[in-house]
């Protein structure tokens, strides 16, 4: 019988958790190929655009309400602080800005097998699991039917057992710090790309 996706997800988490208990710790690293872009590096529009902002975190394309609530305030504050947009206060004639952050699978990776090997060898053989993220920002100007859309990618690497630090990655004190930094980095990159899009200005 084929196991359900939910059961398989719990199985992966359980194996990684068991490996962590056996080897002592898991360490999170934020990939450095995508870096936080300073607000000063955005191309500012002639006028700040009033928008209604929405944010959704997804796991493999499916809505993840807990993660959405965890990051929503941070993302909205970053958008408003960008100098590109301002909160429209619910005005019906304002533009719409949608930010979607999708936690996606990484090609060729089997996190279940990696966690199992680490646990089986009591940490002598370490493993690294990578979570990929795609941030898509869509801006729909008032009265328009086609949004301006950009996307940026990022990643968090988690090592378990006797595994060295991944290349091109910055160590985080914990997973919450890693997730918040990854989010700042990838949202800022997408906002910069949006500000440079010809259809935006």
Protein backbone atom coordinates (compact mmCIF):
# COMPACT_ATOMS: atom_id res chain seq x y z
CA UNK A 1 0.00 0.00 0.00
CA UNK A 2 1.33 3.46 -0.86
CA UNK A 3 1.71 5.72 2.18
CA UNK A 4 0.04 9.11 2.19
CA UNK A 5 2.09 12.29 1.58
CA UNK A 6 1.30 13.41 5.14
CA UNK A 7 2.63 10.13 6.59
CA UNK A 8 5.78 10.34 4.45
CA UNK A 9 6.36 13.89 5.66
CA UNK A 10 6.09 12.81 9.30
CA UNK A 11 8.42 9.88 8.60
CA UNK A 12 11.11 12.22 7.27
CA UNK A 13 10.76 14.51 10.28
CA UNK A 14 10.89 11.57 12.68
CA UNK A 15 14.06 10.16 11.14
CA UNK A 16 15.79 13.53 11.16
CA UNK A 17 14.72 14.08 14.77
CA UNK A 18 16.06 10.65 15.74
CA UNK A 19 19.34 11.42 14.02
CA UNK A 20 19.56 14.70 15.90
CA UNK A 21 19.10 12.96 19.27
CA UNK A 22 21.72 10.38 18.41
CA UNK A 23 24.33 12.83 17.16
CA UNK A 24 23.70 15.72 19.52
CA UNK A 25 22.61 18.56 17.28
CA UNK A 26 21.49 19.88 13.93
CA UNK A 27 22.92 23.12 12.58
CA UNK A 28 21.19 25.55 10.20
CA UNK A 29 23.06 27.51 7.53
CA UNK A 30 21.63 30.22 5.28
CA UNK A 31 22.89 30.03 1.71
CA UNK A 32 24.95 33.10 0.76
CA UNK A 33 24.30 33.02 -2.98
CA UNK A 34 21.28 35.25 -2.27
CA UNK A 35 22.01 38.21 -0.02
CA UNK A 36 19.89 40.95 1.53
CA UNK A 37 19.62 43.93 -0.81
CA UNK A 38 19.74 47.36 0.81
CA UNK A 39 16.72 49.63 0.30
CA UNK A 40 19.09 52.21 -1.17
CA UNK A 41 19.76 49.83 -4.07
CA UNK A 42 16.12 49.77 -5.21
CA UNK A 43 15.12 51.91 -8.17
CA UNK A 44 12.63 54.30 -6.61
CA UNK A 45 9.42 55.11 -8.54
CA UNK A 46 8.38 58.70 -9.17
CA UNK A 47 5.64 58.23 -6.58
CA UNK A 48 5.30 55.64 -3.83
CA UNK A 49 2.58 53.23 -4.86
CA UNK A 50 -0.37 52.65 -2.47
CA UNK A 51 -1.14 48.93 -2.25
CA UNK A 52 -3.00 46.29 -0.34
CA UNK A 53 -0.39 43.69 0.65
CA UNK A 54 -1.07 39.98 0.98
CA UNK A 55 1.40 37.27 2.02
CA UNK A 56 1.25 33.50 1.90
CA UNK A 57 3.82 30.86 2.84
CA UNK A 58 3.50 27.60 0.94
CA UNK A 59 4.99 24.14 1.32
CA UNK A 60 5.42 22.57 -2.11
CA UNK A 61 2.69 24.85 -3.42
CA UNK A 62 0.17 24.15 -0.66
CA UNK A 63 -0.79 26.93 1.80
CA UNK A 64 0.94 26.68 5.19
CA UNK A 65 -1.12 28.82 7.59
CA UNK A 66 1.20 28.50 10.61
CA UNK A 67 4.26 29.61 8.65
CA UNK A 68 2.22 32.40 7.05
CA UNK A 69 1.25 33.80 10.45
CA UNK A 70 4.82 33.43 11.70
CA UNK A 71 6.30 35.56 8.88
CA UNK A 72 3.43 37.82 7.79
CA UNK A 73 4.23 40.85 9.95
CA UNK A 74 7.91 40.74 9.01
CA UNK A 75 7.16 40.59 5.28
CA UNK A 76 4.54 43.36 5.32
CA UNK A 77 6.87 45.64 7.31
CA UNK A 78 9.67 44.95 4.84
CA UNK A 79 7.43 45.80 1.87
CA UNK A 80 6.21 49.06 3.44
CA UNK A 81 9.76 49.97 4.47
CA UNK A 82 11.08 49.46 0.95
CA UNK A 83 10.22 52.98 -0.21
CA UNK A 84 8.36 51.44 -3.17
CA UNK A 85 4.94 51.02 -1.58
CA UNK A 86 2.74 52.38 1.16
CA UNK A 87 -0.23 50.81 2.91
CA UNK A 88 -3.40 51.84 1.10
CA UNK A 89 -5.50 51.36 4.23
CA UNK A 90 -7.99 49.16 2.41
CA UNK A 91 -8.79 51.66 -0.34
CA UNK A 92 -10.72 49.95 -3.13
CA UNK A 93 -8.83 51.77 -5.91
CA UNK A 94 -5.35 50.82 -4.66
CA UNK A 95 -2.95 48.44 -6.33
CA UNK A 96 -2.50 44.89 -5.08
CA UNK A 97 0.81 43.37 -4.01
CA UNK A 98 0.98 39.63 -3.44
CA UNK A 99 4.04 37.99 -1.88
CA UNK A 100 4.26 34.19 -1.97
CA UNK A 101 7.14 32.27 -0.36
CA UNK A 102 7.15 28.62 -1.42
CA UNK A 103 9.28 25.97 0.32
CA UNK A 104 10.17 23.65 -2.57
CA UNK A 105 11.96 20.34 -2.97
CA UNK A 106 15.57 20.34 -4.12
CA UNK A 107 16.32 18.20 -7.17
CA UNK A 108 18.08 14.92 -6.47
CA UNK A 109 17.80 15.11 -2.69
CA UNK A 110 16.39 12.40 -0.42
CA UNK A 111 16.15 13.85 3.11
CA UNK A 112 14.67 10.63 4.50
CA UNK A 113 17.65 8.58 3.36
CA UNK A 114 20.11 11.21 4.60
CA UNK A 115 18.55 11.28 8.06
CA UNK A 116 18.40 7.48 8.22
CA UNK A 117 22.09 7.06 7.33
CA UNK A 118 23.14 9.63 9.92
CA UNK A 119 21.11 7.90 12.62
CA UNK A 120 22.24 4.42 11.66
CA UNK A 121 25.91 5.40 11.94
CA UNK A 122 25.37 7.34 15.21
CA UNK A 123 26.62 10.52 13.57
CA UNK A 124 29.83 9.06 12.15
CA UNK A 125 28.42 9.77 8.71
CA UNK A 126 26.89 13.23 8.61
CA UNK A 127 24.30 14.53 6.21
CA UNK A 128 23.11 17.84 4.82
CA UNK A 129 19.50 18.56 3.92
CA UNK A 130 18.65 21.60 1.81
CA UNK A 131 15.32 23.43 1.80
CA UNK A 132 14.75 25.51 -1.32
CA UNK A 133 12.59 28.64 -1.33
CA UNK A 134 11.04 30.61 -4.18
CA UNK A 135 9.70 34.10 -3.48
CA UNK A 136 7.24 35.39 -6.07
CA UNK A 137 6.04 38.99 -5.91
CA UNK A 138 3.15 40.13 -8.10
CA UNK A 139 2.15 43.79 -8.35
CA UNK A 140 -1.18 44.61 -9.98
CA UNK A 141 -1.50 48.36 -10.66
CA UNK A 142 -4.96 49.95 -10.29
CA UNK A 143 -7.11 49.45 -13.38
CA UNK A 144 -4.76 46.89 -14.92
CA UNK A 145 -5.42 43.22 -15.66
CA UNK A 146 -1.83 41.98 -16.00
CA UNK A 147 0.44 42.01 -12.93
CA UNK A 148 4.15 42.77 -12.92
CA UNK A 149 5.76 39.62 -11.53
CA UNK A 150 9.26 38.68 -10.39
CA UNK A 151 10.73 35.68 -8.58
CA UNK A 152 13.87 35.05 -6.51
CA UNK A 153 15.36 31.90 -5.00
CA UNK A 154 17.08 31.07 -1.72
CA UNK A 155 17.99 28.07 0.44
CA UNK A 156 18.62 26.89 4.00
CA UNK A 157 21.00 23.99 4.60
CA UNK A 158 20.70 21.83 7.74
CA UNK A 159 23.57 19.56 8.77
CA UNK A 160 23.14 16.59 11.09
CA UNK A 161 25.92 14.51 12.62
CA UNK A 162 29.55 14.68 11.53
CA UNK A 163 28.93 16.86 8.51
CA UNK A 164 31.05 19.89 7.72
CA UNK A 165 29.69 23.34 6.99
CA UNK A 166 28.19 23.63 3.50
CA UNK A 167 30.03 25.78 0.99
CA UNK A 168 28.66 29.27 0.42
CA UNK A 169 26.59 29.28 3.61
CA UNK A 170 26.41 31.29 6.83
CA UNK A 171 25.82 29.53 10.15
CA UNK A 172 22.73 30.54 12.13
CA UNK A 173 22.27 30.20 15.91
CA UNK A 174 18.94 28.44 15.39
CA UNK A 175 16.33 27.62 12.76
CA UNK A 176 14.06 30.59 13.56
CA UNK A 177 16.93 33.01 12.93
CA UNK A 178 17.77 31.19 9.70
CA UNK A 179 14.20 31.34 8.42
CA UNK A 180 13.80 35.03 9.23
CA UNK A 181 17.12 35.91 7.56
CA UNK A 182 16.33 33.80 4.49
CA UNK A 183 12.99 35.61 4.22
CA UNK A 184 14.57 39.08 4.48
CA UNK A 185 17.18 38.16 1.88
CA UNK A 186 14.85 36.69 -0.72
CA UNK A 187 12.08 39.30 -0.31
CA UNK A 188 14.61 42.13 -0.64
CA UNK A 189 16.04 40.54 -3.79
CA UNK A 190 12.60 40.18 -5.34
CA UNK A 191 11.70 43.77 -4.43
CA UNK A 192 14.88 45.03 -6.10
CA UNK A 193 14.08 43.08 -9.25
CA UNK A 194 10.52 44.41 -9.20
CA UNK A 195 11.76 47.99 -8.85
CA UNK A 196 13.93 47.50 -11.97
CA UNK A 197 11.15 45.96 -14.07
CA UNK A 198 10.26 48.28 -16.98
CA UNK A 199 6.52 47.75 -16.42
CA UNK A 200 6.80 48.84 -12.79
CA UNK A 201 7.93 52.44 -13.38
